[in-house]
Amino acid sequence: MTTPRFLSYPSESPDVAVDESSSRDILIFFVSGNPGIIGFYEPFLSTLRGLINETKSLQSSRFQIYGQDLAGFRDDDHEPFTTHKKPYDLEYQIQHTLKGLSKLRVESGPRKGLQFDEILLVGHSVGAYIVLELFHRLLNNEQLASHLNLTSGILLFPTIHHISSSSNGWKLDLLRRTPVLGDNAYRIAQGFLHLVPRRALHWIVRVVTGPSAHGTEITTNWLKSRDGVWQALHMGMDEMKVIRENTWDDELWEISHDAKAHDKIIPKFFFFFGKNDHWVANHYRDEFIQTRQKQVERTRLIVDEGDIPHAFCIDHSEVVASKVNQWIDQIYGKN
């Protein structure tokens, strides 16, 4: 059983002279939200690849982009779930992500097969929570941290604080806490989806999500899968229980780069919040921003001024990829 993945190597540009002996190999490791299907993000990651290739100040480094499915969302990556072998919870996904990350090595170039010089983690939604947990756990594991040199994180529409207080989270948490219904919600959903012909479901998804053929096809495949909906509901309900108080200590937010070596203070984390995100409670978002503002040089906190939705990967991949590329340039770019 294999885990579907997205992998993109740096391109060779004949117009840019690179000192192979001094250039760095940097891994951009992307962690998806729920549902954890990396295919949703292919337009975003492909656009980001192209933007990095075109950004001259980033040409002194080699960036490899990698993303993988979270566990359980595709039928071919696990044995069928049962009442005795239930879908995977959030803790399992954290360990699954760490395992995938730990195996990666430079895939091309003069340092092929070696460890990456630096690792940038990018997480969306609950993927942002997983990213912060990876940073937190590596702070307390020197042996693992020496192998995985996590230096920065970009958190997109992060659900990291009291997710059950958001408008959508409140509904899912109510479902979870409702006797009988919570434990059988997946059966109801699967029963309905089984009755709807694939062509009709494809049309419904297209109407709901918009004209994106890419998003429509992936969503339809996921909804028609054997276990994908059960995995999403099971994990989502576990998120309601787990993602509550901010349990990370101040050490997590400290800067890891040598500011003197870079001649500037480089942020460790970039947070990008939606203006009206149905999975993030505004008052907890604002409280988090107020708390972290004292570390503004280490943590950049941005609230979208437009109307980019939480599920940006359906129709807003290009605009978000452009923002992420700008932040990568701020972290790694050489002027």
C-alpha atoms as a PDB file:
ATOM      1  CA  MET A   1       0.000   0.000   0.000  1.00  0.00           C
ATOM      2  CA  THR A   2       1.450   3.349  -1.017  1.00  0.00           C
ATOM      3  CA  THR A   3       0.683   6.918   0.011  1.00  0.00           C
ATOM      4  CA  PRO A   4      -0.151   9.194  -2.950  1.00  0.00           C
ATOM      5  CA  ARG A   5       2.176  12.154  -3.079  1.00  0.00           C
ATOM      6  CA  PHE A   6       3.148  15.314  -4.900  1.00  0.00           C
ATOM      7  CA  LEU A   7       6.843  15.763  -5.673  1.00  0.00           C
ATOM      8  CA  SER A   8       8.489  18.567  -7.634  1.00  0.00           C
ATOM      9  CA  TYR A   9      12.210  19.010  -8.232  1.00  0.00           C
ATOM     10  CA  PRO A  10      13.993  22.290  -8.878  1.00  0.00           C
ATOM     11  CA  SER A  11      14.372  23.077 -12.559  1.00  0.00           C
ATOM     12  CA  GLU A  12      17.687  23.800 -14.172  1.00  0.00           C
ATOM     13  CA  SER A  13      17.780  27.394 -15.390  1.00  0.00           C
ATOM     14  CA  PRO A  14      20.439  28.179 -18.013  1.00  0.00           C
ATOM     15  CA  ASP A  15      20.030  31.902 -17.295  1.00  0.00           C
ATOM     16  CA  VAL A  16      21.077  31.689 -13.650  1.00  0.00           C
ATOM     17  CA  ALA A  17      24.575  30.776 -12.540  1.00  0.00           C
ATOM     18  CA  VAL A  18      24.479  28.794  -9.296  1.00  0.00           C
ATOM     19  CA  ASP A  19      27.471  28.044  -7.101  1.00  0.00           C
ATOM     20  CA  GLU A  20      26.801  24.347  -6.460  1.00  0.00           C
ATOM     21  CA  SER A  21      29.290  24.239  -3.599  1.00  0.00           C
ATOM     22  CA  SER A  22      27.549  26.932  -1.560  1.00  0.00           C
ATOM     23  CA  SER A  23      23.876  26.588  -2.575  1.00  0.00           C
ATOM     24  CA  ARG A  24      21.420  25.048  -0.138  1.00  0.00           C
ATOM     25  CA  ASP A  25      18.952  22.201  -0.623  1.00  0.00           C
ATOM     26  CA  ILE A  26      15.665  23.213   0.971  1.00  0.00           C
ATOM     27  CA  LEU A  27      12.616  20.993   1.341  1.00  0.00           C
ATOM     28  CA  ILE A  28       9.154  22.562   1.226  1.00  0.00           C
ATOM     29  CA  PHE A  29       6.958  19.947   2.903  1.00  0.00           C
ATOM     30  CA  PHE A  30       3.219  20.555   2.565  1.00  0.00           C
ATOM     31  CA  VAL A  31       0.653  19.166   5.025  1.00  0.00           C
ATOM     32  CA  SER A  32      -2.939  19.186   3.815  1.00  0.00           C
ATOM     33  CA  GLY A  33      -6.151  19.819   5.689  1.00  0.00           C
ATOM     34  CA  ASN A  34      -9.148  17.501   6.085  1.00  0.00           C
ATOM     35  CA  PRO A  35      -9.938  15.733   3.767  1.00  0.00           C
ATOM     36  CA  GLY A  36      -6.264  14.916   3.478  1.00  0.00           C
ATOM     37  CA  ILE A  37      -5.982  14.315  -0.251  1.00  0.00           C
ATOM     38  CA  ILE A  38      -2.905  15.921  -1.776  1.00  0.00           C
ATOM     39  CA  GLY A  39      -4.543  15.952  -5.203  1.00  0.00           C
ATOM     40  CA  PHE A  40      -6.704  18.889  -4.114  1.00  0.00           C
ATOM     41  CA  TYR A  41      -3.540  20.972  -3.821  1.00  0.00           C
ATOM     42  CA  GLU A  42      -1.778  20.094  -7.066  1.00  0.00           C
ATOM     43  CA  PRO A  43      -2.722  23.410  -8.802  1.00  0.00           C
ATOM     44  CA  PHE A  44      -1.477  25.339  -5.750  1.00  0.00           C
ATOM     45  CA  LEU A  45       1.793  23.411  -5.454  1.00  0.00           C
ATOM     46  CA  SER A  46       2.436  23.452  -9.209  1.00  0.00           C
ATOM     47  CA  THR A  47       1.853  27.215  -9.315  1.00  0.00           C
ATOM     48  CA  LEU A  48       4.192  27.674  -6.345  1.00  0.00           C
ATOM     49  CA  ARG A  49       6.842  25.610  -8.143  1.00  0.00           C
ATOM     50  CA  GLY A  50       6.646  27.884 -11.161  1.00  0.00           C
ATOM     51  CA  LEU A  51       6.817  31.059  -9.072  1.00  0.00           C
ATOM     52  CA  ILE A  52       9.883  29.853  -7.176  1.00  0.00           C
ATOM     53  CA  ASN A  53      11.567  29.009 -10.458  1.00  0.00           C
ATOM     54  CA  GLU A  54      10.883  32.553 -11.703  1.00  0.00           C
ATOM     55  CA  THR A  55      12.040  34.377  -8.546  1.00  0.00           C
ATOM     56  CA  LYS A  56      15.646  35.416  -9.137  1.00  0.00           C
ATOM     57  CA  SER A  57      16.447  36.002  -5.461  1.00  0.00           C
ATOM     58  CA  LEU A  58      15.669  32.326  -4.760  1.00  0.00           C
ATOM     59  CA  GLN A  59      17.950  30.909  -7.446  1.00  0.00           C
ATOM     60  CA  SER A  60      20.867  30.463  -5.040  1.00  0.00           C
ATOM     61  CA  SER A  61      19.014  27.588  -3.388  1.00  0.00           C
ATOM     62  CA  ARG A  62      17.466  24.385  -4.678  1.00  0.00           C
ATOM     63  CA  PHE A  63      13.872  23.901  -3.513  1.00  0.00           C
ATOM     64  CA  GLN A  64      12.211  20.511  -3.548  1.00  0.00           C
ATOM     65  CA  ILE A  65       8.440  20.507  -2.947  1.00  0.00           C
ATOM     66  CA  TYR A  66       6.769  17.479  -1.406  1.00  0.00           C
ATOM     67  CA  GLY A  67       3.285  16.676  -0.169  1.00  0.00           C
ATOM     68  CA  GLN A  68       1.483  13.451   0.635  1.00  0.00           C
ATOM     69  CA  ASP A  69      -1.996  12.221   1.499  1.00  0.00           C
ATOM     70  CA  LEU A  70      -2.984  11.969   5.107  1.00  0.00           C
ATOM     71  CA  ALA A  71      -3.738   8.371   6.040  1.00  0.00           C
ATOM     72  CA  GLY A  72      -7.078   6.699   5.381  1.00  0.00           C
ATOM     73  CA  PHE A  73      -8.564   8.992   2.762  1.00  0.00           C
ATOM     74  CA  ARG A  74      -7.913   6.614  -0.130  1.00  0.00           C
ATOM     75  CA  ASP A  75      -9.177   3.051  -0.086  1.00  0.00           C
ATOM     76  CA  ASP A  76      -5.932   1.613  -1.443  1.00  0.00           C
ATOM     77  CA  ASP A  77      -3.746   2.846   1.439  1.00  0.00           C
ATOM     78  CA  HIS A  78      -5.363   0.724   4.180  1.00  0.00           C
ATOM     79  CA  GLU A  79      -7.449  -2.333   4.939  1.00  0.00           C
ATOM     80  CA  PRO A  80     -11.206  -1.637   5.080  1.00  0.00           C
ATOM     81  CA  PHE A  81     -12.258   0.137   8.258  1.00  0.00           C
ATOM     82  CA  THR A  82     -14.610  -1.667  10.648  1.00  0.00           C
ATOM     83  CA  THR A  83     -16.172  -0.949  14.030  1.00  0.00           C
ATOM     84  CA  HIS A  84     -13.147  -2.710  15.541  1.00  0.00           C
ATOM     85  CA  LYS A  85     -10.590  -1.078  13.245  1.00  0.00           C
ATOM     86  CA  LYS A  86     -11.756   2.496  13.020  1.00  0.00           C
ATOM     87  CA  PRO A  87     -10.322   5.319  10.888  1.00  0.00           C
ATOM     88  CA  TYR A  88      -7.224   7.201  11.960  1.00  0.00           C
ATOM     89  CA  ASP A  89      -7.305   9.985  14.531  1.00  0.00           C
ATOM     90  CA  LEU A  90      -5.315  13.213  14.648  1.00  0.00           C
ATOM     91  CA  GLU A  91      -2.457  11.731  16.664  1.00  0.00           C
ATOM     92  CA  TYR A  92      -2.007   9.004  14.053  1.00  0.00           C
ATOM     93  CA  GLN A  93      -1.878  11.644  11.303  1.00  0.00           C
ATOM     94  CA  ILE A  94       0.858  13.526  13.156  1.00  0.00           C
ATOM     95  CA  GLN A  95       2.947  10.374  13.424  1.00  0.00           C
ATOM     96  CA  HIS A  96       2.171   9.433   9.803  1.00  0.00           C
ATOM     97  CA  THR A  97       3.354  12.857   8.635  1.00  0.00           C
ATOM     98  CA  LEU A  98       6.513  12.708  10.746  1.00  0.00           C
ATOM     99  CA  LYS A  99       7.296   9.254   9.372  1.00  0.00           C
ATOM    100  CA  GLY A 100       6.934  10.464   5.772  1.00  0.00           C
ATOM    101  CA  LEU A 101       9.027  13.547   6.461  1.00  0.00           C
ATOM    102  CA  SER A 102      11.799  11.565   8.151  1.00  0.00           C
ATOM    103  CA  LYS A 103      12.328   9.370   5.085  1.00  0.00           C
ATOM    104  CA  LEU A 104      12.924  12.194   2.628  1.00  0.00           C
ATOM    105  CA  ARG A 105      16.336  12.982   1.183  1.00  0.00           C
ATOM    106  CA  VAL A 106      17.549  15.283  -1.584  1.00  0.00           C
ATOM    107  CA  GLU A 107      16.274  13.744  -4.829  1.00  0.00           C
ATOM    108  CA  SER A 108      18.447  15.541  -7.373  1.00  0.00           C
ATOM    109  CA  GLY A 109      21.524  17.705  -7.751  1.00  0.00           C
ATOM    110  CA  PRO A 110      25.048  17.401  -6.359  1.00  0.00           C
ATOM    111  CA  ARG A 111      23.820  16.438  -2.866  1.00  0.00           C
ATOM    112  CA  LYS A 112      21.445  13.704  -4.013  1.00  0.00           C
ATOM    113  CA  GLY A 113      20.712  11.214  -1.238  1.00  0.00           C
ATOM    114  CA  LEU A 114      21.817  13.517   1.583  1.00  0.00           C
ATOM    115  CA  GLN A 115      19.744  15.295   4.224  1.00  0.00           C
ATOM    116  CA  PHE A 116      18.227  18.674   3.437  1.00  0.00           C
ATOM    117  CA  ASP A 117      19.999  21.775   4.692  1.00  0.00           C
ATOM    118  CA  GLU A 118      16.696  23.268   5.804  1.00  0.00           C
ATOM    119  CA  ILE A 119      13.038  22.250   5.907  1.00  0.00           C
ATOM    120  CA  LEU A 120      10.107  24.629   5.501  1.00  0.00           C
ATOM    121  CA  LEU A 121       6.765  23.206   6.627  1.00  0.00           C
ATOM    122  CA  VAL A 122       3.597  24.566   5.030  1.00  0.00           C
ATOM    123  CA  GLY A 123       0.266  23.523   6.514  1.00  0.00           C
ATOM    124  CA  HIS A 124      -3.353  24.211   5.624  1.00  0.00           C
ATOM    125  CA  SER A 125      -6.217  24.099   8.150  1.00  0.00           C
ATOM    126  CA  VAL A 126      -5.614  21.150  10.498  1.00  0.00           C
ATOM    127  CA  GLY A 127      -2.352  20.664   8.595  1.00  0.00           C
ATOM    128  CA  ALA A 128      -1.196  23.854  10.336  1.00  0.00           C
ATOM    129  CA  TYR A 129      -1.861  22.203  13.697  1.00  0.00           C
ATOM    130  CA  ILE A 130       0.162  19.179  12.577  1.00  0.00           C
ATOM    131  CA  VAL A 131       3.005  21.491  11.505  1.00  0.00           C
ATOM    132  CA  LEU A 132       3.142  23.183  14.918  1.00  0.00           C
ATOM    133  CA  GLU A 133       3.046  19.819  16.658  1.00  0.00           C
ATOM    134  CA  LEU A 134       6.007  18.634  14.577  1.00  0.00           C
ATOM    135  CA  PHE A 135       7.977  21.721  15.580  1.00  0.00           C
ATOM    136  CA  HIS A 136       7.000  21.217  19.224  1.00  0.00           C
ATOM    137  CA  ARG A 137       7.968  17.549  19.299  1.00  0.00           C
ATOM    138  CA  LEU A 138      11.290  18.099  17.579  1.00  0.00           C
ATOM    139  CA  LEU A 139      12.181  20.719  20.168  1.00  0.00           C
ATOM    140  CA  ASN A 140      12.082  17.900  22.706  1.00  0.00           C
ATOM    141  CA  ASN A 141      13.900  15.317  20.593  1.00  0.00           C
ATOM    142  CA  GLU A 142      17.470  16.391  19.869  1.00  0.00           C
ATOM    143  CA  GLN A 143      18.320  13.259  17.899  1.00  0.00           C
ATOM    144  CA  LEU A 144      15.402  13.680  15.517  1.00  0.00           C
ATOM    145  CA  ALA A 145      15.871  17.446  15.337  1.00  0.00           C
ATOM    146  CA  SER A 146      19.473  17.034  14.180  1.00  0.00           C
ATOM    147  CA  HIS A 147      18.209  15.057  11.185  1.00  0.00           C
ATOM    148  CA  LEU A 148      15.169  17.230  10.429  1.00  0.00           C
ATOM    149  CA  ASN A 149      16.342  20.825  10.404  1.00  0.00           C
ATOM    150  CA  LEU A 150      12.963  22.564  10.621  1.00  0.00           C
ATOM    151  CA  THR A 151      13.598  26.265  10.281  1.00  0.00           C
ATOM    152  CA  SER A 152      10.329  27.945   9.307  1.00  0.00           C
ATOM    153  CA  GLY A 153       6.613  27.338   8.922  1.00  0.00           C
ATOM    154  CA  ILE A 154       3.836  28.859   6.832  1.00  0.00           C
ATOM    155  CA  LEU A 155       0.355  28.269   8.245  1.00  0.00           C
ATOM    156  CA  LEU A 156      -2.611  28.832   5.907  1.00  0.00           C
ATOM    157  CA  PHE A 157      -6.097  29.277   7.396  1.00  0.00           C
ATOM    158  CA  PRO A 158      -4.795  27.595  10.561  1.00  0.00           C
ATOM    159  CA  THR A 159      -7.222  25.735  12.839  1.00  0.00           C
ATOM    160  CA  ILE A 160      -5.007  25.681  15.910  1.00  0.00           C
ATOM    161  CA  HIS A 161      -7.138  27.116  18.701  1.00  0.00           C
ATOM    162  CA  HIS A 162     -10.629  26.074  19.909  1.00  0.00           C
ATOM    163  CA  ILE A 163     -11.812  24.800  16.530  1.00  0.00           C
ATOM    164  CA  SER A 164     -15.144  23.696  18.043  1.00  0.00           C
ATOM    165  CA  SER A 165     -15.983  27.377  18.717  1.00  0.00           C
ATOM    166  CA  SER A 166     -16.026  28.190  14.986  1.00  0.00           C
ATOM    167  CA  SER A 167     -19.385  28.148  13.197  1.00  0.00           C
ATOM    168  CA  ASN A 168     -18.655  24.928  11.309  1.00  0.00           C
ATOM    169  CA  GLY A 169     -16.771  23.418  14.243  1.00  0.00           C
ATOM    170  CA  TRP A 170     -19.731  24.010  16.560  1.00  0.00           C
ATOM    171  CA  LYS A 171     -22.004  22.034  14.221  1.00  0.00           C
ATOM    172  CA  LEU A 172     -19.555  19.139  13.908  1.00  0.00           C
ATOM    173  CA  ASP A 173     -18.952  19.079  17.653  1.00  0.00           C
ATOM    174  CA  LEU A 174     -22.706  19.036  18.290  1.00  0.00           C
ATOM    175  CA  LEU A 175     -22.979  16.058  15.951  1.00  0.00           C
ATOM    176  CA  ARG A 176     -20.126  14.349  17.797  1.00  0.00           C
ATOM    177  CA  ARG A 177     -21.799  14.853  21.181  1.00  0.00           C
ATOM    178  CA  THR A 178     -25.266  13.745  20.049  1.00  0.00           C
ATOM    179  CA  PRO A 179     -25.935  10.212  21.350  1.00  0.00           C
ATOM    180  CA  VAL A 180     -26.232   7.508  18.683  1.00  0.00           C
ATOM    181  CA  LEU A 181     -26.179  10.034  15.827  1.00  0.00           C
ATOM    182  CA  GLY A 182     -22.521  10.970  16.267  1.00  0.00           C
ATOM    183  CA  ASP A 183     -21.308   7.382  16.085  1.00  0.00           C
ATOM    184  CA  ASN A 184     -23.464   6.626  13.072  1.00  0.00           C
ATOM    185  CA  ALA A 185     -23.120   9.838  11.069  1.00  0.00           C
ATOM    186  CA  TYR A 186     -20.762   8.152   8.617  1.00  0.00           C
ATOM    187  CA  ARG A 187     -23.319   5.385   7.975  1.00  0.00           C
ATOM    188  CA  ILE A 188     -25.980   7.959   7.122  1.00  0.00           C
ATOM    189  CA  ALA A 189     -23.593   9.838   4.840  1.00  0.00           C
ATOM    190  CA  GLN A 190     -22.337   6.701   3.128  1.00  0.00           C
ATOM    191  CA  GLY A 191     -25.887   5.409   2.674  1.00  0.00           C
ATOM    192  CA  PHE A 192     -26.968   8.600   0.970  1.00  0.00           C
ATOM    193  CA  LEU A 193     -23.863   8.780  -1.221  1.00  0.00           C
ATOM    194  CA  HIS A 194     -24.290   5.154  -2.239  1.00  0.00           C
ATOM    195  CA  LEU A 195     -27.811   5.867  -3.493  1.00  0.00           C
ATOM    196  CA  VAL A 196     -26.796   8.886  -5.601  1.00  0.00           C
ATOM    197  CA  PRO A 197     -25.537   7.892  -9.083  1.00  0.00           C
ATOM    198  CA  ARG A 198     -21.994   9.022  -9.778  1.00  0.00           C
ATOM    199  CA  ARG A 199     -23.016  11.315 -12.636  1.00  0.00           C
ATOM    200  CA  ALA A 200     -25.627  13.024 -10.468  1.00  0.00           C
ATOM    201  CA  LEU A 201     -23.158  13.406  -7.604  1.00  0.00           C
ATOM    202  CA  HIS A 202     -20.600  14.880  -9.986  1.00  0.00           C
ATOM    203  CA  TRP A 203     -23.179  17.481 -11.067  1.00  0.00           C
ATOM    204  CA  ILE A 204     -24.085  18.325  -7.445  1.00  0.00           C
ATOM    205  CA  VAL A 205     -20.437  18.752  -6.494  1.00  0.00           C
ATOM    206  CA  ARG A 206     -19.850  20.990  -9.510  1.00  0.00           C
ATOM    207  CA  VAL A 207     -22.790  23.221  -8.537  1.00  0.00           C
ATOM    208  CA  VAL A 208     -21.597  23.480  -4.919  1.00  0.00           C
ATOM    209  CA  THR A 209     -17.850  23.921  -5.476  1.00  0.00           C
ATOM    210  CA  GLY A 210     -17.889  25.898  -8.724  1.00  0.00           C
ATOM    211  CA  PRO A 211     -16.575  25.283 -12.229  1.00  0.00           C
ATOM    212  CA  SER A 212     -13.215  23.754 -11.242  1.00  0.00           C
ATOM    213  CA  ALA A 213     -13.080  20.435 -13.104  1.00  0.00           C
ATOM    214  CA  HIS A 214     -10.048  19.448 -11.058  1.00  0.00           C
ATOM    215  CA  GLY A 215     -11.759  19.959  -7.708  1.00  0.00           C
ATOM    216  CA  THR A 216     -15.022  18.403  -8.875  1.00  0.00           C
ATOM    217  CA  GLU A 217     -13.399  15.166 -10.008  1.00  0.00           C
ATOM    218  CA  ILE A 218     -11.302  14.699  -6.870  1.00  0.00           C
ATOM    219  CA  THR A 219     -14.227  15.527  -4.583  1.00  0.00           C
ATOM    220  CA  THR A 220     -16.517  13.093  -6.409  1.00  0.00           C
ATOM    221  CA  ASN A 221     -13.933  10.307  -6.198  1.00  0.00           C
ATOM    222  CA  TRP A 222     -13.485  10.941  -2.477  1.00  0.00           C
ATOM    223  CA  LEU A 223     -17.237  10.984  -1.782  1.00  0.00           C
ATOM    224  CA  LYS A 224     -17.706   7.748  -3.740  1.00  0.00           C
ATOM    225  CA  SER A 225     -14.800   5.968  -2.040  1.00  0.00           C
ATOM    226  CA  ARG A 226     -15.364   3.145   0.427  1.00  0.00           C
ATOM    227  CA  ASP A 227     -13.892   4.800   3.534  1.00  0.00           C
ATOM    228  CA  GLY A 228     -12.975   8.403   2.647  1.00  0.00           C
ATOM    229  CA  VAL A 229     -16.037  10.081   4.175  1.00  0.00           C
ATOM    230  CA  TRP A 230     -15.801   7.960   7.329  1.00  0.00           C
ATOM    231  CA  GLN A 231     -12.135   8.932   7.687  1.00  0.00           C
ATOM    232  CA  ALA A 232     -12.940  12.634   7.279  1.00  0.00           C
ATOM    233  CA  LEU A 233     -15.776  12.566   9.830  1.00  0.00           C
ATOM    234  CA  HIS A 234     -13.833  10.473  12.340  1.00  0.00           C
ATOM    235  CA  MET A 235     -10.775  12.687  12.147  1.00  0.00           C
ATOM    236  CA  GLY A 236     -12.883  15.866  12.167  1.00  0.00           C
ATOM    237  CA  MET A 237     -14.674  14.822  15.346  1.00  0.00           C
ATOM    238  CA  ASP A 238     -11.337  14.012  16.953  1.00  0.00           C
ATOM    239  CA  GLU A 239     -10.118  17.503  16.007  1.00  0.00           C
ATOM    240  CA  MET A 240     -13.042  18.930  17.990  1.00  0.00           C
ATOM    241  CA  LYS A 241     -11.759  17.138  21.095  1.00  0.00           C
ATOM    242  CA  VAL A 242      -8.032  17.755  20.618  1.00  0.00           C
ATOM    243  CA  ILE A 243      -7.705  21.278  19.203  1.00  0.00           C
ATOM    244  CA  ARG A 244      -8.698  23.403  22.161  1.00  0.00           C
ATOM    245  CA  GLU A 245      -6.352  25.424  24.361  1.00  0.00           C
ATOM    246  CA  ASN A 246      -3.005  26.601  22.998  1.00  0.00           C
ATOM    247  CA  THR A 247      -0.666  24.155  24.748  1.00  0.00           C
ATOM    248  CA  TRP A 248       2.594  25.200  23.087  1.00  0.00           C
ATOM    249  CA  ASP A 249       5.127  26.997  25.250  1.00  0.00           C
ATOM    250  CA  ASP A 250       7.040  30.131  24.289  1.00  0.00           C
ATOM    251  CA  GLU A 251      10.068  28.117  23.176  1.00  0.00           C
ATOM    252  CA  LEU A 252       8.170  27.041  20.076  1.00  0.00           C
ATOM    253  CA  TRP A 253       7.971  30.599  18.786  1.00  0.00           C
ATOM    254  CA  GLU A 254      11.622  31.486  19.257  1.00  0.00           C
ATOM    255  CA  ILE A 255      13.692  32.289  16.179  1.00  0.00           C
ATOM    256  CA  SER A 256      15.916  29.479  14.910  1.00  0.00           C
ATOM    257  CA  HIS A 257      17.946  31.353  12.296  1.00  0.00           C
ATOM    258  CA  ASP A 258      21.167  33.187  13.036  1.00  0.00           C
ATOM    259  CA  ALA A 259      20.089  36.784  12.464  1.00  0.00           C
ATOM    260  CA  LYS A 260      23.642  38.063  12.232  1.00  0.00           C
ATOM    261  CA  ALA A 261      24.524  35.540   9.552  1.00  0.00           C
ATOM    262  CA  HIS A 262      21.585  36.699   7.462  1.00  0.00           C
ATOM    263  CA  ASP A 263      22.014  40.419   8.315  1.00  0.00           C
ATOM    264  CA  LYS A 264      18.333  40.532   9.153  1.00  0.00           C
ATOM    265  CA  ILE A 265      15.784  39.035  11.520  1.00  0.00           C
ATOM    266  CA  ILE A 266      13.937  36.268   9.709  1.00  0.00           C
ATOM    267  CA  PRO A 267      10.462  35.234  10.892  1.00  0.00           C
ATOM    268  CA  LYS A 268      10.089  31.644  11.943  1.00  0.00           C
ATOM    269  CA  PHE A 269       6.343  31.481  11.283  1.00  0.00           C
ATOM    270  CA  PHE A 270       3.945  33.154   8.876  1.00  0.00           C
ATOM    271  CA  PHE A 271       0.252  32.862   9.765  1.00  0.00           C
ATOM    272  CA  PHE A 272      -2.354  33.668   7.121  1.00  0.00           C
ATOM    273  CA  PHE A 273      -5.905  33.886   8.485  1.00  0.00           C
ATOM    274  CA  GLY A 274      -9.106  34.254   6.516  1.00  0.00           C
ATOM    275  CA  LYS A 275     -11.208  37.361   7.090  1.00  0.00           C
ATOM    276  CA  ASN A 276     -14.328  35.288   7.724  1.00  0.00           C
ATOM    277  CA  ASP A 277     -13.262  31.676   8.163  1.00  0.00           C
ATOM    278  CA  HIS A 278     -16.074  29.317   9.149  1.00  0.00           C
ATOM    279  CA  TRP A 279     -13.531  26.942  10.722  1.00  0.00           C
ATOM    280  CA  VAL A 280     -11.801  29.617  12.838  1.00  0.00           C
ATOM    281  CA  ALA A 281     -13.568  31.625  15.552  1.00  0.00           C
ATOM    282  CA  ASN A 282     -12.717  35.290  15.040  1.00  0.00           C
ATOM    283  CA  HIS A 283     -12.385  36.091  18.747  1.00  0.00           C
ATOM    284  CA  TYR A 284      -9.904  33.261  19.301  1.00  0.00           C
ATOM    285  CA  ARG A 285      -8.037  34.297  16.154  1.00  0.00           C
ATOM    286  CA  ASP A 286      -7.793  37.876  17.420  1.00  0.00           C
ATOM    287  CA  GLU A 287      -6.728  36.675  20.869  1.00  0.00           C
ATOM    288  CA  PHE A 288      -3.968  34.574  19.319  1.00  0.00           C
ATOM    289  CA  ILE A 289      -2.777  37.501  17.198  1.00  0.00           C
ATOM    290  CA  GLN A 290      -2.716  39.822  20.198  1.00  0.00           C
ATOM    291  CA  THR A 291      -0.672  37.316  22.203  1.00  0.00           C
ATOM    292  CA  ARG A 292       1.863  36.734  19.429  1.00  0.00           C
ATOM    293  CA  GLN A 293       2.245  40.386  18.409  1.00  0.00           C
ATOM    294  CA  LYS A 294       4.974  40.837  20.990  1.00  0.00           C
ATOM    295  CA  GLN A 295       7.058  38.450  18.855  1.00  0.00           C
ATOM    296  CA  VAL A 296       6.359  40.274  15.612  1.00  0.00           C
ATOM    297  CA  GLU A 297       9.944  39.826  14.406  1.00  0.00           C
ATOM    298  CA  ARG A 298       9.657  36.077  14.794  1.00  0.00           C
ATOM    299  CA  THR A 299       6.022  35.534  13.903  1.00  0.00           C
ATOM    300  CA  ARG A 300       4.225  37.349  11.080  1.00  0.00           C
ATOM    301  CA  LEU A 301       0.454  37.446  11.431  1.00  0.00           C
ATOM    302  CA  ILE A 302      -1.617  38.340   8.371  1.00  0.00           C
ATOM    303  CA  VAL A 303      -5.393  38.511   8.075  1.00  0.00           C
ATOM    304  CA  ASP A 304      -6.747  38.347   4.532  1.00  0.00           C
ATOM    305  CA  GLU A 305      -8.233  41.622   3.359  1.00  0.00           C
ATOM    306  CA  GLY A 306     -10.189  39.951   0.564  1.00  0.00           C
ATOM    307  CA  ASP A 307     -12.549  37.005   0.496  1.00  0.00           C
ATOM    308  CA  ILE A 308     -10.285  34.005  -0.025  1.00  0.00           C
ATOM    309  CA  PRO A 309     -12.202  30.992   1.333  1.00  0.00           C
ATOM    310  CA  HIS A 310     -10.882  28.418   3.776  1.00  0.00           C
ATOM    311  CA  ALA A 311     -10.867  25.810   0.974  1.00  0.00           C
ATOM    312  CA  PHE A 312      -8.619  28.008  -1.180  1.00  0.00           C
ATOM    313  CA  CYS A 313      -7.315  25.055  -3.193  1.00  0.00           C
ATOM    314  CA  ILE A 314     -10.543  24.813  -5.202  1.00  0.00           C
ATOM    315  CA  ASP A 315     -10.532  28.198  -6.957  1.00  0.00           C
ATOM    316  CA  HIS A 316      -7.881  30.424  -5.352  1.00  0.00           C
ATOM    317  CA  SER A 317      -4.663  28.436  -5.729  1.00  0.00           C
ATOM    318  CA  GLU A 318      -2.872  31.086  -7.779  1.00  0.00           C
ATOM    319  CA  VAL A 319      -3.402  34.012  -5.407  1.00  0.00           C
ATOM    320  CA  VAL A 320      -2.401  31.984  -2.329  1.00  0.00           C
ATOM    321  CA  ALA A 321       0.638  30.525  -4.119  1.00  0.00           C
ATOM    322  CA  SER A 322       1.731  34.079  -4.921  1.00  0.00           C
ATOM    323  CA  LYS A 323       1.519  35.068  -1.254  1.00  0.00           C
ATOM    324  CA  VAL A 324       3.406  31.958  -0.131  1.00  0.00           C
ATOM    325  CA  ASN A 325       6.134  32.607  -2.694  1.00  0.00           C
ATOM    326  CA  GLN A 326       6.569  36.142  -1.326  1.00  0.00           C
ATOM    327  CA  TRP A 327       6.990  34.782   2.194  1.00  0.00           C
ATOM    328  CA  ILE A 328       9.465  32.163   1.001  1.00  0.00           C
ATOM    329  CA  ASP A 329      11.383  34.962  -0.650  1.00  0.00           C
ATOM    330  CA  GLN A 330      11.453  36.864   2.655  1.00  0.00           C
ATOM    331  CA  ILE A 331      12.847  33.800   4.423  1.00  0.00           C
ATOM    332  CA  TYR A 332      15.343  32.475   1.875  1.00  0.00           C
ATOM    333  CA  GLY A 333      15.754  35.122  -0.807  1.00  0.00           C
ATOM    334  CA  LYS A 334      19.052  36.862  -1.491  1.00  0.00           C
ATOM    335  CA  ASN A 335      18.827  40.405  -2.799  1.00  0.00           C
END
